[in-house]
Amino acid sequence: MKGKILVAGGTGYIGSHTTVELQKAGYEVVIIDDLSNSNLEVLDGIEKITGVRPAFYKWDLKDLEGTRKILQEQPGIDGVILFAASKAVGESVKLPLKYYRNNLTTVINMLELMPEFNMKGIVFSSSCTVYGQPDPQYLPVTEEAPIKPALSPYGNTKQINEEIIQDTIHAGAPFKSIILRYFNPIGAHPSAEIGELPNGVPQNLVPYLTQTAMGIRKELSVFGDDYNTPDGSCIRDYINIVDLAKAHVIAMDRMLENKSDQKVEIFNLGTGHGVSVLELVRTFEKATGVKVPHKIVGRREGDIEKVWANPEKANKVLGWKAEVSLADTLESAWKWQLHLREKGIQ
């Protein structure tokens, strides 16, 4: 066994896929999740894929003392991967205090506890939202692009948390951090045993799209067709979820094996290719043969017009690269939606 890793938010979408990759790489995983946007059955899927059921605690990481007790029950944790956060841009505009309370308190508590339990590193789940709407000269976006004023409370929590981590380590905290700025994770595990399963109405594009294709939702709303893009819809960099998960394992290896002298490192994780919302819908229809009813509606507050990654630093320094095509990724998302129907979940 390589070591023991705490995955905070490990039954969530990215957390569950990362748990699979950690276990496949030989790590022991402990999950803490309050199940506010995930389902306990995710553990069954993880076990089916890997043959190992991770230790699980249903807990709210905002409770410092309770989290301390869990860590006392699980001695020898080497590092933490922190996903636990509220993550919907639109909701954050409507409920800013929820986002500041959830997203900041969780990080502060974990940073406070890490030295107590001799943890060596933290991988933080950040976002390309920290770049705001990059000026044209900064597209595709490198890690050196300016951090812009956030367009949503969600984006602002990511910026503030990055600063909290860097300030804490600068002040002498005895651990390292790798901050991973994701672009747009989509798709599902190829086994269709785990995937994106939000509670209630999906806030993210692809699960809403697959539910619409399934007939669960009447139609997909495309927020705006008057942006300065080739077809007027927003452009994003959509990255396969398993590709993204593998980057976390590499990042944890890097810290635990002291492969870098730097205390804090930041990497963009994306494909390097921008895709519009309407292009994504067309690619899904072509890959699956299933039509997606959709309509154009007004712009949504907090949305960025266009952003995609320059992933060269992650490619060269981490030795990581996004490999799965957009069509295959969307096909995996549809396979997952079919699996949910078979199980009677949706």
Foldseek 3Di string as FASTA:
>chain_A
DLFEEEEEQLQAFLNVLLCLLCVVVPYAYEYEAQCQWGDPLSQVLSCVNRVDRHHYDNDQLLPLVVVLVVCVVVAGHAEYEYDFADAFQQVCQVVVVRRCSRLVSNLVSVLVCCVVRVHAEYEYEAAPQQLPAFDPVCPQPFPPTDRDDGQGSNNVSRVVSVVVVVVSVVVPRRHAYEYEHEWAEFFFDLVLSDHHDTPDQDSDDLVNQLCQLVVVDVAAEQAFQCFPDPRSGAKTFYFYSNLVSNLVSLVVCCRVVVVDPDRYHYFYDGQSDIDGSVRLQVLLCVLPVTHGHYDYDHHRRRDHRYYGHDRVCCCPVSVGHGDDDSSVRSVNSNVSVVVCVVVVND
